[in-house]
Amino acid sequence: MIAALYEAGADIFRLNFSHGSHEDHAASLKAIRELEKQIGRPITVLQDLQGPKLRVGKFKDGKVMLQQGANFRLDLTDGIGDEKRASLLHPEIFAALKPGATLLVDDGHLRLKVKTCGKDFAETEVIIGGVISDRKGVNVPDVTLPIPALTDKDKADLEFGLSQGVDWVALSFVQRPEDVAEVRMAVDGRAGILSKLEKPSALDHLDAIVELSDAVMVARGDLGVEMPMEQVPMLQKRIVRACRKHGKPVVVATQMLESMIKSPVPTRAEASDVATAIYDGADAVMLSAETASGLFPVRAVTAMHKIIRQVESDPLHTDLMKAGHQETEHSSPAAITAAAGQIAHTLRAAAIVTFTSSGSTTLRAAQERPEAPILCITPSMHAGRRLGLVWGVYAVVGDFIHSVDDIGDVAVEAALASGIGKDGQALVITAGMPFGKVGSTNMVRVVWIGGETRAS
């Protein structure tokens, strides 16, 4: 199935550590790496940490009905709940609550308003009633909770994932820049850090969080619970624009093709939703339950892949990327990369070829959103896998370069082997000299497939 999903168009496989055991995830990762060896190309693996899960306790008979307007108490007493009260064994919530704050239960299906509260209780009014059952989740949108970025479970999962060689770590429920800094110390350069934005408090620090992160996810599921649903489209655009501004990859996620959990085809509205994220400039769009537990996982990937290809072939997409382009950074590497994109446009090049050891040259090329695909050639499997999250990149890993005279031949061979380009088409090459020095992009060269180097 993993091979089938890859063939259908999946570039990244997400391991959701909210579910499954370490053994389950190790088996999945082993299968992905075996597929990687078979196809000879890097495949990206994203570890998604669960983050803090705030839940009510248990109820008599497993569930009770809360009536609108009724009083309902939450407290630290570990006892069976009823129509009057329930356990909420999270002192950090009570420490942050104030009268007037909102508590959302079961993904917002029930809404409570705090009337009075103390260090170990909260008396609330039921604003939206309904059935509340055992261990349902609680969201607290109005306050920043005094909880660490990593729970004990997250710390154990993180060390396991890093030991297994995951490429990206997704941090759930980011509230403030300090959360990202804490995780960065724990990761210590062994993987990229992707911050999931799903808390209103994170949006108060959006630019700082984006700047500290290696990538960002618009996690619309919890964001849509904690924020009014009509604001989510606006927030999605705001977050994507902030990531484009800072040159950071951005993923749009949750309920993108939700109907395909049970249906073999998506709705037209879902196709438009996916297309909107691509027109906005997202680097990646993500499937969740559609492929994790749905009836038609390969069809879901195929449908999303078709939407992506269709949108990116639309001249309007090119126009929107140009209109949203940020001013080029005042540095030699940025100027070289921008020039490569312009040369590729003028020559209708088959690809922009980047030679990189760290991935920075390739990431910079992707920030320009060129019309040509980006063929990344790197000696680092670590860099090649990380770049799977980045827009437009096709990575080839190997120690091909021994002198600057090799780059033209290597670029042509890699392009032909990857099915990119044909005789008579140009390749625009960017690289840094000396090789292996991070951030040293200082050269652009044009070569022709089946021909000679024309310019440098």
Protein backbone atom coordinates (compact mmCIF):
# COMPACT_ATOMS: atom_id res chain seq x y z
CA MET A 1 0.00 0.00 0.00
CA ILE A 2 2.84 2.41 0.79
CA ALA A 3 4.31 1.73 -2.65
CA ALA A 4 0.90 2.27 -4.25
CA LEU A 5 0.46 5.58 -2.44
CA TYR A 6 3.91 6.69 -3.59
CA GLU A 7 3.18 5.74 -7.20
CA ALA A 8 -0.10 7.66 -7.00
CA GLY A 9 1.76 10.85 -6.10
CA ALA A 10 2.53 10.93 -2.36
CA ASP A 11 5.87 12.61 -1.59
CA ILE A 12 5.75 12.56 2.21
CA PHE A 13 4.54 9.94 4.67
CA ARG A 14 3.26 11.21 8.03
CA LEU A 15 3.51 8.98 11.08
CA ASN A 16 0.85 10.15 13.54
CA PHE A 17 2.10 9.45 17.08
CA SER A 18 -1.33 10.16 18.53
CA HIS A 19 -2.08 6.60 17.47
CA GLY A 20 -0.17 3.32 17.31
CA SER A 21 2.83 1.92 19.14
CA HIS A 22 6.53 2.45 18.53
CA GLU A 23 6.59 -1.01 16.95
CA ASP A 24 3.81 0.00 14.53
CA HIS A 25 5.65 3.13 13.45
CA ALA A 26 8.98 1.29 13.16
CA ALA A 27 7.34 -1.20 10.79
CA SER A 28 5.90 1.61 8.65
CA LEU A 29 9.24 3.42 8.54
CA LYS A 30 11.04 0.21 7.58
CA ALA A 31 8.62 -0.31 4.69
CA ILE A 32 9.15 3.28 3.52
CA ARG A 33 12.93 2.95 3.59
CA GLU A 34 12.77 -0.36 1.71
CA LEU A 35 10.68 1.33 -0.97
CA GLU A 36 13.21 4.18 -1.04
CA LYS A 37 15.99 1.70 -1.83
CA GLN A 38 13.93 0.09 -4.59
CA ILE A 39 13.14 3.33 -6.41
CA GLY A 40 16.54 4.94 -5.77
CA ARG A 41 15.13 8.28 -4.63
CA PRO A 42 14.73 9.86 -1.18
CA ILE A 43 11.30 9.67 0.46
CA THR A 44 10.33 12.09 3.22
CA VAL A 45 9.03 10.93 6.62
CA LEU A 46 7.24 13.31 9.00
CA GLN A 47 6.81 12.42 12.68
CA ASP A 48 3.70 14.14 14.08
CA LEU A 49 3.88 14.42 17.87
CA GLN A 50 0.62 14.18 19.81
CA GLY A 51 1.16 17.21 22.02
CA PRO A 52 -0.82 17.86 25.21
CA LYS A 53 -4.22 16.16 25.19
CA LEU A 54 -6.69 17.70 27.62
CA ARG A 55 -9.63 15.42 28.39
CA VAL A 56 -12.58 15.14 30.78
CA GLY A 57 -12.93 12.02 32.92
CA LYS A 58 -15.47 9.22 32.78
CA PHE A 59 -19.24 9.32 33.25
CA LYS A 60 -21.86 6.99 34.65
CA ASP A 61 -23.06 4.72 31.84
CA GLY A 62 -20.31 6.22 29.69
CA LYS A 63 -22.18 9.41 28.77
CA VAL A 64 -24.67 12.01 30.01
CA MET A 65 -26.76 14.76 28.44
CA LEU A 66 -25.96 18.38 29.24
CA GLN A 67 -28.88 20.76 28.80
CA GLN A 68 -28.40 24.28 27.47
CA GLY A 69 -28.46 26.81 30.30
CA ALA A 70 -27.62 24.24 32.99
CA ASN A 71 -24.79 24.65 35.47
CA PHE A 72 -21.89 22.22 35.14
CA ARG A 73 -18.82 21.90 37.36
CA LEU A 74 -15.36 20.73 36.34
CA ASP A 75 -12.83 19.88 39.05
CA LEU A 76 -9.73 17.91 40.01
CA THR A 77 -11.70 15.23 41.87
CA ASP A 78 -11.08 11.85 40.25
CA GLY A 79 -14.63 10.50 40.36
CA ILE A 80 -17.34 9.37 37.97
CA GLY A 81 -19.13 12.30 36.34
CA ASP A 82 -22.84 13.02 35.96
CA GLU A 83 -25.16 15.81 34.76
CA LYS A 84 -23.81 18.17 37.44
CA ARG A 85 -20.01 17.68 37.35
CA ALA A 86 -17.08 15.91 35.78
CA SER A 87 -13.36 15.38 36.37
CA LEU A 88 -10.86 17.53 34.50
CA LEU A 89 -7.52 16.35 35.85
CA HIS A 90 -5.48 19.20 34.41
CA PRO A 91 -4.50 21.75 37.07
CA GLU A 92 -2.80 23.82 34.38
CA ILE A 93 -6.22 24.62 32.92
CA PHE A 94 -7.61 25.91 36.22
CA ALA A 95 -4.43 27.92 36.78
CA ALA A 96 -5.09 29.86 33.57
CA LEU A 97 -8.90 30.16 33.57
CA LYS A 98 -10.74 33.40 34.22
CA PRO A 99 -14.47 34.14 34.47
CA GLY A 100 -15.92 34.53 30.99
CA ALA A 101 -13.49 32.07 29.39
CA THR A 102 -14.83 29.46 26.99
CA LEU A 103 -14.31 25.70 27.24
CA LEU A 104 -14.98 23.59 24.16
CA VAL A 105 -15.63 19.86 24.55
CA ASP A 106 -15.62 17.15 21.87
CA ASP A 107 -14.20 19.27 19.03
CA GLY A 108 -16.51 22.14 19.91
CA HIS A 109 -19.76 20.20 19.85
CA LEU A 110 -20.36 21.37 23.44
CA ARG A 111 -19.57 24.87 24.66
CA LEU A 112 -19.21 25.92 28.30
CA LYS A 113 -18.73 29.42 29.70
CA VAL A 114 -16.80 29.86 32.96
CA LYS A 115 -18.80 31.68 35.65
CA THR A 116 -16.44 31.30 38.60
CA CYS A 117 -13.20 29.38 39.01
CA GLY A 118 -10.38 28.57 41.38
CA LYS A 119 -7.17 26.59 41.44
CA ASP A 120 -9.03 23.28 41.44
CA PHE A 121 -12.48 23.93 39.94
CA ALA A 122 -14.56 25.84 37.42
CA GLU A 123 -18.30 26.48 37.61
CA THR A 124 -19.64 26.82 34.10
CA GLU A 125 -22.86 27.47 32.21
CA VAL A 126 -23.74 25.17 29.29
CA ILE A 127 -24.00 27.44 26.25
CA ILE A 128 -24.36 24.65 23.69
CA GLY A 129 -25.56 21.38 25.15
CA GLY A 130 -25.51 17.80 23.99
CA VAL A 131 -24.15 14.40 24.92
CA ILE A 132 -20.79 14.35 26.71
CA SER A 133 -19.04 11.00 26.99
CA ASP A 134 -15.91 9.46 28.48
CA ARG A 135 -12.51 11.04 27.80
CA LYS A 136 -13.66 13.66 25.32
CA GLY A 137 -11.12 16.34 24.44
CA VAL A 138 -11.22 19.86 25.87
CA ASN A 139 -10.06 23.01 24.07
CA VAL A 140 -9.41 26.31 25.84
CA PRO A 141 -9.23 28.93 23.10
CA ASP A 142 -9.23 32.10 25.20
CA VAL A 143 -6.06 31.58 27.24
CA THR A 144 -2.42 30.57 26.86
CA LEU A 145 -1.97 27.48 28.98
CA PRO A 146 1.13 27.11 31.20
CA ILE A 147 2.10 23.75 29.73
CA PRO A 148 5.43 22.64 28.21
CA ALA A 149 5.87 22.24 24.48
CA LEU A 150 6.68 18.54 24.95
CA THR A 151 4.81 16.15 27.22
CA ASP A 152 6.58 13.13 28.67
CA LYS A 153 4.99 11.02 25.93
CA ASP A 154 6.21 13.48 23.28
CA LYS A 155 9.76 13.33 24.67
CA ALA A 156 9.82 9.53 24.49
CA ASP A 157 8.24 9.55 21.02
CA LEU A 158 10.66 12.20 19.79
CA GLU A 159 13.74 10.28 20.88
CA PHE A 160 12.34 7.16 19.26
CA GLY A 161 11.57 8.95 16.01
CA LEU A 162 14.96 10.60 15.83
CA SER A 163 16.68 7.28 16.51
CA GLN A 164 14.73 5.84 13.59
CA GLY A 165 15.80 8.65 11.27
CA VAL A 166 12.64 10.69 10.69
CA ASP A 167 13.22 13.74 8.49
CA TRP A 168 10.73 16.19 10.01
CA VAL A 169 9.17 16.55 13.47
CA ALA A 170 5.75 18.20 13.68
CA LEU A 171 5.11 20.02 16.96
CA SER A 172 1.42 20.10 17.92
CA PHE A 173 -0.44 22.93 19.67
CA VAL A 174 2.33 25.53 19.42
CA GLN A 175 1.35 28.53 21.56
CA ARG A 176 4.43 30.75 21.58
CA PRO A 177 7.93 31.08 20.03
CA GLU A 178 9.50 29.57 23.15
CA ASP A 179 7.78 26.26 22.33
CA VAL A 180 9.69 26.03 19.06
CA ALA A 181 12.97 26.99 20.74
CA GLU A 182 12.47 24.24 23.36
CA VAL A 183 11.92 21.58 20.71
CA ARG A 184 14.86 22.82 18.64
CA MET A 185 17.17 22.17 21.58
CA ALA A 186 15.80 18.63 21.92
CA VAL A 187 16.05 17.87 18.19
CA ASP A 188 19.56 19.32 17.95
CA GLY A 189 19.67 19.47 14.16
CA ARG A 190 18.69 15.84 13.61
CA ALA A 191 15.44 16.73 11.80
CA GLY A 192 13.53 19.72 10.52
CA ILE A 193 10.96 21.31 12.86
CA LEU A 194 7.46 21.88 11.55
CA SER A 195 5.19 24.00 13.77
CA LYS A 196 1.49 23.18 13.62
CA LEU A 197 -0.58 26.32 14.01
CA GLU A 198 -3.88 25.37 15.64
CA LYS A 199 -4.08 27.68 18.68
CA PRO A 200 -5.29 31.32 18.60
CA SER A 201 -2.38 32.30 20.85
CA ALA A 202 0.07 31.17 18.15
CA LEU A 203 -1.40 33.70 15.73
CA ASP A 204 -0.47 36.50 18.14
CA HIS A 205 3.18 35.51 17.56
CA LEU A 206 2.88 34.38 13.93
CA ASP A 207 5.98 36.00 12.42
CA ALA A 208 8.21 34.99 15.33
CA ILE A 209 7.02 31.36 15.21
CA VAL A 210 7.43 31.17 11.43
CA GLU A 211 10.92 32.64 11.66
CA LEU A 212 12.02 30.12 14.32
CA SER A 213 10.49 27.12 12.52
CA ASP A 214 11.86 25.21 9.54
CA ALA A 215 8.33 24.76 8.18
CA VAL A 216 4.74 25.43 9.26
CA MET A 217 1.43 23.59 9.01
CA VAL A 218 -1.98 25.24 8.80
CA ALA A 219 -3.70 22.66 11.02
CA ARG A 220 -7.27 23.56 10.20
CA GLY A 221 -8.90 20.88 12.35
CA ASP A 222 -8.17 22.26 15.82
CA LEU A 223 -7.81 25.79 14.44
CA GLY A 224 -11.41 25.51 13.26
CA VAL A 225 -12.50 24.35 16.70
CA GLU A 226 -10.79 27.14 18.63
CA MET A 227 -11.54 29.92 16.12
CA PRO A 228 -14.85 30.82 14.44
CA MET A 229 -15.10 28.70 11.31
CA GLU A 230 -15.65 31.74 9.09
CA GLN A 231 -12.20 33.03 10.07
CA VAL A 232 -10.29 29.87 9.08
CA PRO A 233 -10.01 30.66 5.32
CA MET A 234 -8.66 34.12 6.14
CA LEU A 235 -6.20 32.69 8.68
CA GLN A 236 -5.04 30.08 6.17
CA LYS A 237 -4.16 32.79 3.69
CA ARG A 238 -2.49 34.88 6.39
CA ILE A 239 -0.29 31.97 7.52
CA VAL A 240 0.66 30.96 3.98
CA ARG A 241 1.57 34.55 3.17
CA ALA A 242 3.72 34.80 6.31
CA CYS A 243 5.57 31.62 5.33
CA ARG A 244 6.15 32.90 1.80
CA LYS A 245 7.48 36.15 3.30
CA HIS A 246 9.99 34.30 5.50
CA GLY A 247 10.86 31.70 2.85
CA LYS A 248 9.59 28.76 4.93
CA PRO A 249 7.73 25.73 3.50
CA VAL A 250 4.05 25.62 4.45
CA VAL A 251 1.61 22.69 4.56
CA VAL A 252 -2.18 23.05 4.42
CA ALA A 253 -3.91 20.17 6.21
CA THR A 254 -7.14 18.62 7.49
CA GLN A 255 -10.41 17.65 5.81
CA MET A 256 -9.12 18.45 2.34
CA LEU A 257 -10.84 15.46 0.70
CA GLU A 258 -12.84 14.37 3.73
CA SER A 259 -15.67 12.76 1.77
CA MET A 260 -13.17 10.30 0.28
CA ILE A 261 -13.01 8.49 3.61
CA LYS A 262 -16.13 6.75 2.32
CA SER A 263 -16.58 7.98 -1.25
CA PRO A 264 -14.45 7.03 -4.29
CA VAL A 265 -14.59 10.62 -5.58
CA PRO A 266 -14.25 13.98 -3.82
CA THR A 267 -16.87 16.71 -3.84
CA ARG A 268 -16.40 19.67 -6.16
CA ALA A 269 -16.11 21.90 -3.09
CA GLU A 270 -13.23 19.77 -1.78
CA ALA A 271 -11.44 19.99 -5.13
CA SER A 272 -11.81 23.78 -4.95
CA ASP A 273 -10.47 23.78 -1.38
CA VAL A 274 -7.32 21.91 -2.41
CA ALA A 275 -6.91 24.16 -5.45
CA THR A 276 -7.22 27.30 -3.31
CA ALA A 277 -4.33 26.18 -1.10
CA ILE A 278 -2.18 25.63 -4.19
CA TYR A 279 -3.12 28.97 -5.75
CA ASP A 280 -2.20 30.62 -2.42
CA GLY A 281 1.31 29.15 -2.65
CA ALA A 282 1.32 26.16 -0.27
CA ASP A 283 4.32 23.84 -0.60
CA ALA A 284 2.30 20.74 0.29
CA VAL A 285 -1.29 19.66 0.90
CA MET A 286 -1.99 16.85 3.32
CA LEU A 287 -4.40 13.93 3.56
CA SER A 288 -5.26 12.51 7.00
CA ALA A 289 -8.11 10.08 7.61
CA GLU A 290 -8.56 9.77 3.84
CA THR A 291 -5.42 7.65 3.66
CA ALA A 292 -5.03 6.54 7.30
CA SER A 293 -8.40 4.84 7.69
CA GLY A 294 -10.44 5.64 4.57
CA LEU A 295 -11.83 3.14 2.10
CA PHE A 296 -10.09 4.65 -0.94
CA PRO A 297 -6.55 5.75 0.06
CA VAL A 298 -4.94 5.40 -3.39
CA ARG A 299 -7.87 7.11 -5.09
CA ALA A 300 -7.56 9.99 -2.60
CA VAL A 301 -3.87 10.51 -3.38
CA THR A 302 -4.57 10.22 -7.10
CA ALA A 303 -7.34 12.82 -6.90
CA MET A 304 -5.18 15.25 -4.94
CA HIS A 305 -2.26 14.72 -7.33
CA LYS A 306 -4.49 15.49 -10.32
CA ILE A 307 -5.73 18.70 -8.71
CA ILE A 308 -2.17 19.82 -7.98
CA ARG A 309 -0.99 19.17 -11.54
CA GLN A 310 -4.01 20.89 -13.05
CA VAL A 311 -3.66 24.02 -10.93
CA GLU A 312 0.09 24.32 -11.46
CA SER A 313 -0.40 24.07 -15.24
CA ASP A 314 -2.77 27.06 -15.11
CA PRO A 315 -1.17 30.36 -16.24
CA LEU A 316 -3.12 32.05 -13.45
CA HIS A 317 -1.08 30.06 -10.91
CA THR A 318 2.12 31.44 -12.42
CA ASP A 319 0.69 34.96 -12.37
CA LEU A 320 -0.34 34.63 -8.71
CA MET A 321 3.08 33.34 -7.70
CA LYS A 322 4.70 36.32 -9.44
CA ALA A 323 2.26 38.75 -7.84
CA GLY A 324 2.99 37.32 -4.39
CA HIS A 325 6.75 37.25 -4.86
CA GLN A 326 8.70 38.89 -2.06
CA GLU A 327 11.53 41.31 -2.69
CA THR A 328 14.76 39.44 -3.31
CA GLU A 329 17.08 39.39 -0.32
CA HIS A 330 20.11 41.64 -0.75
CA SER A 331 22.73 38.91 -0.95
CA SER A 332 24.79 37.25 -3.65
CA PRO A 333 23.15 33.78 -3.26
CA ALA A 334 19.66 35.30 -3.47
CA ALA A 335 20.59 37.36 -6.54
CA ILE A 336 22.09 34.31 -8.28
CA THR A 337 18.98 32.25 -7.55
CA ALA A 338 16.63 34.97 -8.79
CA ALA A 339 18.69 35.29 -11.96
CA ALA A 340 18.48 31.53 -12.52
CA GLY A 341 14.69 31.72 -12.43
CA GLN A 342 14.67 34.54 -14.98
CA ILE A 343 17.08 32.69 -17.27
CA ALA A 344 14.95 29.54 -17.03
CA HIS A 345 11.88 31.56 -18.02
CA THR A 346 13.61 33.20 -20.98
CA LEU A 347 15.04 29.92 -22.31
CA ARG A 348 11.94 27.85 -21.41
CA ALA A 349 14.37 25.58 -19.59
CA ALA A 350 13.47 21.99 -18.75
CA ALA A 351 14.63 22.48 -15.15
CA ILE A 352 16.64 24.50 -12.71
CA VAL A 353 19.38 22.21 -11.39
CA THR A 354 20.71 22.95 -7.91
CA PHE A 355 23.86 21.40 -6.49
CA THR A 356 23.69 21.56 -2.71
CA SER A 357 25.06 19.83 0.37
CA SER A 358 22.78 21.40 3.00
CA GLY A 359 19.67 22.05 0.89
CA SER A 360 19.84 25.84 1.29
CA THR A 361 20.50 26.46 -2.43
CA THR A 362 17.48 24.36 -3.38
CA LEU A 363 15.21 25.93 -0.76
CA ARG A 364 16.16 29.36 -2.03
CA ALA A 365 15.32 28.31 -5.60
CA ALA A 366 11.90 27.04 -4.50
CA GLN A 367 11.14 30.33 -2.76
CA GLU A 368 11.23 31.99 -6.19
CA ARG A 369 8.45 29.65 -7.46
CA PRO A 370 10.05 29.32 -10.91
CA GLU A 371 8.09 28.03 -13.88
CA ALA A 372 10.57 25.18 -14.36
CA PRO A 373 10.83 22.24 -11.91
CA ILE A 374 13.81 22.14 -9.55
CA LEU A 375 16.16 19.18 -9.89
CA CYS A 376 18.23 18.97 -6.71
CA ILE A 377 21.49 17.03 -6.81
CA THR A 378 23.01 16.46 -3.38
CA PRO A 379 25.51 14.08 -1.78
CA SER A 380 23.43 14.14 1.43
CA MET A 381 20.55 11.71 1.90
CA HIS A 382 19.56 13.79 4.92
CA ALA A 383 19.17 16.92 2.77
CA GLY A 384 17.47 15.03 -0.05
CA ARG A 385 14.83 13.63 2.27
CA ARG A 386 14.21 16.96 3.99
CA LEU A 387 13.63 18.67 0.65
CA GLY A 388 10.69 16.38 -0.13
CA LEU A 389 8.50 18.85 1.76
CA VAL A 390 9.58 21.78 -0.40
CA TRP A 391 7.62 23.01 -3.42
CA GLY A 392 8.71 21.85 -6.87
CA VAL A 393 11.78 19.85 -5.81
CA TYR A 394 12.85 16.50 -7.29
CA ALA A 395 15.91 15.30 -5.37
CA VAL A 396 18.66 12.96 -6.57
CA VAL A 397 21.21 11.77 -4.01
CA GLY A 398 24.74 10.77 -4.90
CA ASP A 399 28.38 11.83 -4.70
CA PHE A 400 28.67 12.75 -8.37
CA ILE A 401 30.87 15.85 -8.35
CA HIS A 402 34.63 15.77 -8.15
CA SER A 403 35.40 19.05 -9.92
CA VAL A 404 33.47 22.03 -11.26
CA ASP A 405 33.95 20.67 -14.80
CA ASP A 406 31.63 17.77 -13.92
CA ILE A 407 28.50 19.73 -13.19
CA GLY A 408 27.22 20.06 -16.76
CA ASP A 409 27.50 16.36 -17.55
CA VAL A 410 26.07 15.36 -14.17
CA ALA A 411 23.12 17.73 -14.56
CA VAL A 412 22.25 16.37 -18.01
CA GLU A 413 22.57 12.74 -16.90
CA ALA A 414 20.42 13.32 -13.82
CA ALA A 415 17.76 15.15 -15.82
CA LEU A 416 17.51 12.40 -18.43
CA ALA A 417 17.49 9.64 -15.80
CA SER A 418 14.70 11.46 -13.96
CA GLY A 419 12.60 11.91 -17.09
CA ILE A 420 13.08 15.68 -17.05
CA GLY A 421 13.82 17.35 -20.37
CA LYS A 422 14.82 16.20 -23.84
CA ASP A 423 17.44 16.98 -26.46
CA GLY A 424 17.66 20.66 -27.29
CA GLN A 425 16.26 21.90 -23.98
CA ALA A 426 18.25 23.99 -21.55
CA LEU A 427 19.13 23.29 -17.93
CA VAL A 428 19.95 26.25 -15.70
CA ILE A 429 22.45 25.25 -13.00
CA THR A 430 23.12 26.97 -9.69
CA ALA A 431 25.83 25.91 -7.28
CA GLY A 432 28.26 27.21 -4.72
CA MET A 433 32.00 27.18 -4.99
CA PRO A 434 33.76 25.70 -3.18
CA PHE A 435 31.43 22.69 -3.00
CA GLY A 436 30.16 21.78 0.44
CA LYS A 437 30.22 25.29 1.88
CA VAL A 438 26.75 26.16 3.20
CA GLY A 439 25.18 29.33 1.80
CA SER A 440 27.83 29.87 -0.86
CA THR A 441 25.60 29.91 -3.99
CA ASN A 442 27.70 32.03 -6.35
CA MET A 443 27.44 30.48 -9.80
CA VAL A 444 24.84 30.07 -12.53
CA ARG A 445 25.48 28.12 -15.70
CA VAL A 446 23.39 27.08 -18.70
CA VAL A 447 23.86 23.71 -20.38
CA TRP A 448 21.87 22.12 -23.16
CA ILE A 449 20.71 18.55 -23.23
CA GLY A 450 22.52 16.91 -26.13
CA GLY A 451 24.70 20.00 -26.56
CA GLU A 452 27.49 22.04 -25.01
CA THR A 453 27.68 24.56 -22.21
CA ARG A 454 26.58 27.90 -23.69
CA ALA A 455 27.07 30.40 -20.89
CA SER A 456 28.29 30.71 -17.32
